[in-house]
Amino acid sequence: MTGKKRVLFFDTARVVSMIWIVCIWHLSASMRSFPNLTNPICSSITVAALSVFTFISAFFVSGRVKTKSDIIPFYINRFSRFFFLYAISCASMVTARYLSGSESMMTIQQFVLSLLGLSTLIGPSPITLWFFSMLILFYLITPFIDLIQHIAWKIVSLVLIYCMITGFILLFDGDLRVLVFYPSYCVGLLLSQDTKSSISSGRIFENKRFPVYALIDVIVLVVSVALYAENYDSVYWMLYRIPISLASIGFVIIIAKMISFRCTQRVIMLGSYISMCVYLFHSQFFWIAELIFGKMTYAQAYLIILPLLFVTCWMIQRLYDTFSRWLRLRRMRKDESSFSS
């Protein structure tokens, strides 16, 4: 998105979600002493963070495919934004596995399936990057949902796809978390352009009924967290996470809206800019840190490793953006020269 089209509270939601996932949830496993996070509250926060990422991904890609001729440009535009970095991240995790023998890193089979967007359908899914593999799968179906004109048929199609994904996951021992986050993606796909405009502009927060909707959202979230259980092998308990996933979208966006002060805009936009890259490469960073320090102290983690991670990811993202712009300019010049000749 260009600077004019940025939505500050969405950027804030991205940053808050990234901080929780990377700087707390995942980093805790690499530290010597850290409070136990395996409880319903912390697990629900993790579901909320990933759900918001998923919803925002759908929010900004839906409605772009108007005709069949838009499908290929959609794929090129969407995957050019992250796929090369994603492939590098996958390759680095395979390399780490074969250099260190770490079984937590990616196998060759997971590498191939991840690049195809199938690693969450055919288990076991890889650590961390399962989420991007899931998004690739969702992006692949997005144009075909966009082409459907009537909302009722869109819903029917999404439900049928959900059933197919469920069958695939059960048949090939896939990742049940896809069943949790797919509905969040569907919500982003199904929003009308008027509703999206109302959300982006902030007008929705001025609606007189908004406090009622917010209260209902909080009640659903609280009840869902109370019913939450830790059992990744159970479809029944996995489906209990869906209400948490859906209700948390509104809750996190409301919180993000409240803390999106103009004085923090530069920091928020910077954090949002590097959030994708941080998610792609933090596991490798933490793996290297453990080779150097063993289990890290708070000082090593928060004063050395995380700052290095953020700076490195900023540099990687800048280099990638520069390279992408160079490719686009080269392609444009080539097209102009072909047209003039």
Protein backbone atom coordinates (compact mmCIF):
# COMPACT_ATOMS: atom_id res chain seq x y z
CA MET A 1 0.00 0.00 0.00
CA THR A 2 1.07 3.51 -0.54
CA GLY A 3 1.44 5.90 2.29
CA LYS A 4 -1.89 7.56 1.48
CA LYS A 5 -3.75 4.28 1.72
CA ARG A 6 -2.27 3.10 5.00
CA VAL A 7 -4.64 2.47 7.87
CA LEU A 8 -2.81 3.35 11.08
CA PHE A 9 -4.81 1.12 13.42
CA PHE A 10 -4.26 -1.85 11.09
CA ASP A 11 -0.53 -1.12 11.17
CA THR A 12 -0.78 -0.94 14.97
CA ALA A 13 -2.59 -4.29 15.07
CA ARG A 14 0.18 -5.83 12.94
CA VAL A 15 2.88 -4.47 15.26
CA VAL A 16 1.13 -5.55 18.46
CA SER A 17 0.52 -9.02 17.03
CA MET A 18 4.14 -9.33 15.85
CA ILE A 19 5.47 -8.27 19.26
CA TRP A 20 3.39 -10.91 21.01
CA ILE A 21 4.20 -13.76 18.60
CA VAL A 22 7.91 -13.08 18.13
CA CYS A 23 9.09 -11.17 21.20
CA ILE A 24 7.10 -13.11 23.79
CA TRP A 25 5.46 -16.33 22.58
CA HIS A 26 8.30 -17.72 20.42
CA LEU A 27 11.21 -16.08 22.23
CA SER A 28 10.15 -17.63 25.55
CA ALA A 29 11.19 -21.08 24.28
CA SER A 30 14.77 -19.83 23.79
CA MET A 31 15.18 -18.27 27.23
CA ARG A 32 16.50 -19.68 30.51
CA SER A 33 13.67 -18.48 32.69
CA PHE A 34 10.37 -17.17 31.44
CA PRO A 35 6.84 -17.28 32.89
CA ASN A 36 4.84 -20.30 31.78
CA LEU A 37 2.73 -19.27 28.77
CA THR A 38 0.89 -22.57 28.33
CA ASN A 39 -2.41 -21.36 29.71
CA PRO A 40 -5.77 -20.45 28.11
CA ILE A 41 -5.17 -16.69 28.33
CA CYS A 42 -1.78 -16.68 26.57
CA SER A 43 -2.84 -19.30 24.04
CA SER A 44 -5.93 -17.20 23.24
CA ILE A 45 -3.77 -14.10 22.74
CA THR A 46 -1.70 -16.10 20.25
CA VAL A 47 -4.83 -17.17 18.38
CA ALA A 48 -5.98 -13.53 18.37
CA ALA A 49 -2.66 -12.26 16.99
CA LEU A 50 -2.59 -14.77 14.13
CA SER A 51 -6.28 -14.24 13.42
CA VAL A 52 -5.75 -10.49 13.02
CA PHE A 53 -2.85 -11.10 10.62
CA THR A 54 -5.08 -13.44 8.62
CA PHE A 55 -8.03 -11.06 8.52
CA ILE A 56 -5.89 -8.09 7.47
CA SER A 57 -4.35 -10.18 4.67
CA ALA A 58 -7.83 -10.90 3.26
CA PHE A 59 -9.07 -7.35 3.89
CA PHE A 60 -6.51 -5.79 1.55
CA VAL A 61 -6.56 -8.40 -1.25
CA SER A 62 -10.30 -8.98 -1.65
CA GLY A 63 -12.21 -7.28 -4.45
CA ARG A 64 -9.22 -6.87 -6.76
CA VAL A 65 -10.21 -9.55 -9.27
CA LYS A 66 -13.07 -8.32 -11.47
CA THR A 67 -12.55 -10.53 -14.54
CA LYS A 68 -10.68 -13.71 -15.39
CA SER A 69 -7.91 -11.63 -16.97
CA ASP A 70 -7.16 -10.21 -13.49
CA ILE A 71 -6.26 -13.60 -11.98
CA ILE A 72 -2.66 -13.87 -13.20
CA PRO A 73 -1.82 -10.21 -12.38
CA PHE A 74 -3.30 -10.79 -8.91
CA TYR A 75 -1.01 -13.76 -8.29
CA ILE A 76 2.03 -11.91 -9.63
CA ASN A 77 1.31 -8.84 -7.50
CA ARG A 78 0.54 -10.79 -4.33
CA PHE A 79 3.35 -13.34 -4.44
CA SER A 80 5.99 -10.87 -5.61
CA ARG A 81 5.54 -9.07 -2.28
CA PHE A 82 6.81 -11.92 -0.14
CA PHE A 83 7.41 -15.21 -1.95
CA PHE A 84 11.13 -14.72 -2.69
CA LEU A 85 11.85 -13.86 0.96
CA TYR A 86 9.61 -16.71 2.05
CA ALA A 87 11.56 -19.14 -0.16
CA ILE A 88 14.85 -17.89 1.31
CA SER A 89 13.46 -18.37 4.80
CA CYS A 90 12.38 -21.93 3.97
CA ALA A 91 15.78 -22.72 2.44
CA SER A 92 17.60 -21.34 5.49
CA MET A 93 15.53 -23.57 7.78
CA VAL A 94 16.37 -26.64 5.69
CA THR A 95 20.05 -25.66 5.81
CA ALA A 96 19.89 -25.20 9.58
CA ARG A 97 18.42 -28.68 9.99
CA TYR A 98 21.17 -30.36 8.01
CA LEU A 99 23.95 -28.30 9.58
CA SER A 100 22.87 -28.83 13.17
CA GLY A 101 20.65 -31.90 13.06
CA SER A 102 17.90 -29.89 14.73
CA GLU A 103 14.64 -31.78 14.24
CA SER A 104 12.63 -28.61 14.81
CA MET A 105 13.83 -27.17 11.52
CA MET A 106 12.39 -27.91 8.06
CA THR A 107 12.79 -31.17 6.12
CA ILE A 108 13.11 -31.37 2.34
CA GLN A 109 9.53 -32.63 2.11
CA GLN A 110 8.29 -29.70 4.22
CA PHE A 111 10.34 -27.33 2.07
CA VAL A 112 8.71 -28.48 -1.17
CA LEU A 113 5.22 -28.55 0.32
CA SER A 114 5.72 -25.11 1.87
CA LEU A 115 6.64 -23.54 -1.45
CA LEU A 116 3.49 -25.08 -2.95
CA GLY A 117 1.30 -23.85 -0.07
CA LEU A 118 0.47 -27.43 0.92
CA SER A 119 2.50 -28.00 4.09
CA THR A 120 -0.52 -27.35 6.31
CA LEU A 121 -2.64 -29.85 4.38
CA ILE A 122 -0.06 -32.64 4.36
CA GLY A 123 1.61 -33.07 7.72
CA PRO A 124 3.70 -32.59 9.62
CA SER A 125 3.68 -28.83 9.10
CA PRO A 126 6.91 -26.86 9.73
CA ILE A 127 7.39 -24.56 12.71
CA THR A 128 6.60 -20.87 12.22
CA LEU A 129 6.37 -20.91 8.42
CA TRP A 130 3.22 -23.04 8.48
CA PHE A 131 1.39 -19.72 8.77
CA PHE A 132 2.74 -18.36 5.48
CA SER A 133 2.10 -21.70 3.78
CA MET A 134 -1.50 -21.39 4.95
CA LEU A 135 -1.74 -17.84 3.55
CA ILE A 136 -0.42 -19.05 0.17
CA LEU A 137 -3.23 -21.61 0.12
CA PHE A 138 -5.77 -18.88 0.94
CA TYR A 139 -4.36 -16.53 -1.72
CA LEU A 140 -4.68 -19.26 -4.34
CA ILE A 141 -8.45 -19.50 -3.84
CA THR A 142 -9.06 -15.74 -3.43
CA PRO A 143 -9.47 -14.76 -7.13
CA PHE A 144 -12.08 -17.43 -7.72
CA ILE A 145 -14.12 -16.20 -4.74
CA ASP A 146 -13.78 -12.61 -5.97
CA LEU A 147 -15.22 -13.59 -9.35
CA ILE A 148 -18.46 -14.78 -7.75
CA GLN A 149 -20.92 -11.88 -7.81
CA HIS A 150 -23.59 -12.93 -5.32
CA ILE A 151 -22.71 -13.00 -1.62
CA ALA A 152 -24.81 -16.14 -1.00
CA TRP A 153 -22.85 -18.11 -3.60
CA LYS A 154 -19.59 -16.80 -2.17
CA ILE A 155 -20.56 -18.14 1.24
CA VAL A 156 -21.60 -21.50 -0.22
CA SER A 157 -18.30 -21.74 -2.12
CA LEU A 158 -16.24 -20.87 0.97
CA VAL A 159 -18.11 -23.47 3.04
CA LEU A 160 -17.50 -26.14 0.38
CA ILE A 161 -13.80 -25.22 0.28
CA TYR A 162 -13.71 -25.43 4.09
CA CYS A 163 -15.15 -28.95 3.93
CA MET A 164 -12.57 -29.94 1.31
CA ILE A 165 -9.72 -28.53 3.40
CA THR A 166 -11.04 -30.36 6.48
CA GLY A 167 -11.14 -33.63 4.56
CA PHE A 168 -7.60 -33.13 3.27
CA ILE A 169 -6.29 -32.33 6.76
CA LEU A 170 -7.93 -35.38 8.34
CA LEU A 171 -6.81 -37.66 5.50
CA PHE A 172 -3.17 -36.50 5.34
CA ASP A 173 -2.61 -35.58 9.00
CA GLY A 174 -2.52 -31.86 8.22
CA ASP A 175 -2.49 -28.87 10.53
CA LEU A 176 -5.81 -28.33 12.32
CA ARG A 177 -4.96 -24.67 12.91
CA VAL A 178 -5.97 -23.97 9.30
CA LEU A 179 -9.56 -24.74 10.34
CA VAL A 180 -9.32 -22.03 13.00
CA PHE A 181 -7.98 -19.22 10.82
CA TYR A 182 -9.84 -19.93 7.58
CA PRO A 183 -13.05 -18.29 8.90
CA SER A 184 -11.08 -15.13 9.76
CA TYR A 185 -9.84 -14.98 6.18
CA CYS A 186 -13.38 -15.54 4.91
CA VAL A 187 -14.64 -12.55 6.92
CA GLY A 188 -12.08 -10.35 5.18
CA LEU A 189 -13.12 -11.70 1.79
CA LEU A 190 -16.85 -11.24 2.37
CA LEU A 191 -16.83 -7.62 3.54
CA SER A 192 -18.43 -5.27 1.03
CA GLN A 193 -16.45 -2.34 -0.36
CA ASP A 194 -18.67 0.08 1.61
CA THR A 195 -17.97 -1.78 4.86
CA LYS A 196 -14.24 -1.88 4.13
CA SER A 197 -14.28 1.85 3.41
CA SER A 198 -16.16 2.47 6.66
CA ILE A 199 -13.58 0.47 8.62
CA SER A 200 -10.54 2.02 6.90
CA SER A 201 -11.81 5.57 7.39
CA GLY A 202 -12.78 4.94 11.00
CA ARG A 203 -16.44 5.83 10.38
CA ILE A 204 -17.51 2.50 11.81
CA PHE A 205 -16.30 3.61 15.24
CA GLU A 206 -18.72 6.55 15.09
CA ASN A 207 -21.76 4.34 14.48
CA LYS A 208 -24.29 4.65 17.34
CA ARG A 209 -24.64 0.87 17.51
CA PHE A 210 -20.89 0.30 17.66
CA PRO A 211 -20.72 0.10 21.50
CA VAL A 212 -23.36 -2.63 21.44
CA TYR A 213 -21.45 -4.58 18.81
CA ALA A 214 -18.22 -4.13 20.80
CA LEU A 215 -19.89 -5.39 23.99
CA ILE A 216 -21.25 -8.48 22.23
CA ASP A 217 -17.80 -9.10 20.75
CA VAL A 218 -16.15 -8.93 24.19
CA ILE A 219 -18.76 -11.26 25.73
CA VAL A 220 -18.24 -13.86 22.98
CA LEU A 221 -14.47 -13.57 23.42
CA VAL A 222 -14.60 -13.97 27.22
CA VAL A 223 -16.94 -16.99 27.04
CA SER A 224 -14.81 -18.59 24.31
CA VAL A 225 -11.61 -18.16 26.34
CA ALA A 226 -13.34 -19.69 29.36
CA LEU A 227 -14.20 -22.77 27.28
CA TYR A 228 -10.73 -22.96 25.72
CA ALA A 229 -8.72 -26.18 26.10
CA GLU A 230 -5.19 -27.18 25.15
CA ASN A 231 -5.55 -30.14 22.82
CA TYR A 232 -4.11 -29.73 19.33
CA ASP A 233 -5.03 -33.30 18.40
CA SER A 234 -8.78 -32.86 18.80
CA VAL A 235 -10.94 -31.43 16.04
CA TYR A 236 -13.66 -30.75 18.62
CA TRP A 237 -11.46 -28.58 20.82
CA MET A 238 -9.78 -27.05 17.81
CA LEU A 239 -13.13 -25.76 16.60
CA TYR A 240 -13.62 -24.08 19.97
CA ARG A 241 -10.84 -21.73 18.90
CA ILE A 242 -12.92 -20.39 16.00
CA PRO A 243 -15.07 -18.10 18.20
CA ILE A 244 -11.87 -16.79 19.80
CA SER A 245 -10.37 -16.24 16.37
CA LEU A 246 -13.39 -14.36 15.03
CA ALA A 247 -14.22 -12.34 18.15
CA SER A 248 -10.61 -11.30 18.63
CA ILE A 249 -10.52 -9.52 15.24
CA GLY A 250 -12.84 -6.77 16.43
CA PHE A 251 -11.32 -6.70 19.91
CA VAL A 252 -7.71 -6.30 18.72
CA ILE A 253 -8.70 -3.67 16.14
CA ILE A 254 -10.55 -1.68 18.83
CA ILE A 255 -7.49 -1.81 21.09
CA ALA A 256 -5.24 -0.87 18.17
CA LYS A 257 -7.50 2.08 17.35
CA MET A 258 -7.30 3.27 20.95
CA ILE A 259 -3.48 3.22 21.05
CA SER A 260 -2.86 4.52 17.52
CA PHE A 261 -1.84 8.01 18.58
CA ARG A 262 -0.41 10.26 15.88
CA CYS A 263 2.79 10.80 17.87
CA THR A 264 3.61 7.09 17.50
CA GLN A 265 2.85 6.93 13.77
CA ARG A 266 6.49 6.75 12.62
CA VAL A 267 7.32 3.93 15.03
CA ILE A 268 4.13 2.03 14.19
CA MET A 269 4.71 2.28 10.44
CA LEU A 270 8.33 1.16 10.85
CA GLY A 271 7.22 -1.82 12.94
CA SER A 272 4.55 -2.71 10.40
CA TYR A 273 7.09 -2.39 7.57
CA ILE A 274 9.43 -5.00 9.08
CA SER A 275 6.74 -7.25 10.64
CA MET A 276 6.59 -9.72 7.74
CA CYS A 277 10.36 -10.07 7.54
CA VAL A 278 10.64 -10.46 11.33
CA TYR A 279 8.10 -13.28 11.24
CA LEU A 280 9.93 -14.99 8.37
CA PHE A 281 13.40 -14.95 9.95
CA HIS A 282 13.06 -14.82 13.74
CA SER A 283 13.21 -18.61 14.23
CA GLN A 284 16.56 -18.76 12.45
CA PHE A 285 17.83 -15.82 14.53
CA PHE A 286 16.79 -17.50 17.77
CA TRP A 287 18.41 -20.76 16.62
CA ILE A 288 21.73 -18.96 16.02
CA ALA A 289 21.40 -17.18 19.37
CA GLU A 290 20.98 -20.50 21.16
CA LEU A 291 24.10 -21.84 19.45
CA ILE A 292 26.02 -18.84 20.80
CA PHE A 293 24.47 -18.28 24.24
CA GLY A 294 22.58 -21.46 24.97
CA LYS A 295 19.29 -20.56 26.60
CA MET A 296 19.29 -16.76 26.66
CA THR A 297 18.98 -14.38 29.58
CA TYR A 298 16.60 -11.43 29.46
CA ALA A 299 19.52 -9.07 28.69
CA GLN A 300 20.82 -11.23 25.84
CA ALA A 301 17.36 -11.65 24.34
CA TYR A 302 15.98 -8.12 24.64
CA LEU A 303 19.13 -6.00 24.48
CA ILE A 304 21.13 -7.93 21.86
CA ILE A 305 19.16 -10.45 19.81
CA LEU A 306 15.89 -8.60 19.24
CA PRO A 307 17.53 -5.27 18.25
CA LEU A 308 19.82 -7.18 15.86
CA LEU A 309 16.80 -9.03 14.46
CA PHE A 310 14.86 -5.80 13.84
CA VAL A 311 17.80 -4.00 12.21
CA THR A 312 18.66 -7.01 10.03
CA CYS A 313 15.05 -7.44 8.93
CA TRP A 314 14.80 -3.74 8.08
CA MET A 315 17.91 -4.07 5.89
CA ILE A 316 16.59 -7.24 4.22
CA GLN A 317 13.22 -5.61 3.51
CA ARG A 318 14.85 -2.45 2.12
CA LEU A 319 17.12 -4.48 -0.16
CA TYR A 320 14.20 -6.57 -1.35
CA ASP A 321 12.06 -3.48 -2.03
CA THR A 322 14.91 -1.85 -3.94
CA PHE A 323 15.43 -5.01 -6.00
CA SER A 324 11.67 -5.27 -6.68
CA ARG A 325 11.51 -1.64 -7.85
CA TRP A 326 14.47 -2.22 -10.14
CA LEU A 327 12.76 -5.25 -11.68
CA ARG A 328 9.52 -3.32 -12.20
CA LEU A 329 11.32 -0.40 -13.84
CA ARG A 330 13.27 -2.75 -16.09
CA ARG A 331 10.06 -4.51 -17.12
CA MET A 332 8.32 -1.18 -17.79
CA ARG A 333 11.22 0.04 -19.96
CA LYS A 334 11.22 -3.23 -21.84
CA ASP A 335 7.47 -2.93 -22.45
CA GLU A 336 7.85 0.68 -23.61
CA SER A 337 10.64 -0.25 -25.97
CA SER A 338 8.57 -3.14 -27.40
CA PHE A 339 5.58 -0.84 -27.85
CA SER A 340 7.62 1.91 -29.58
CA SER A 341 9.23 -0.57 -31.98
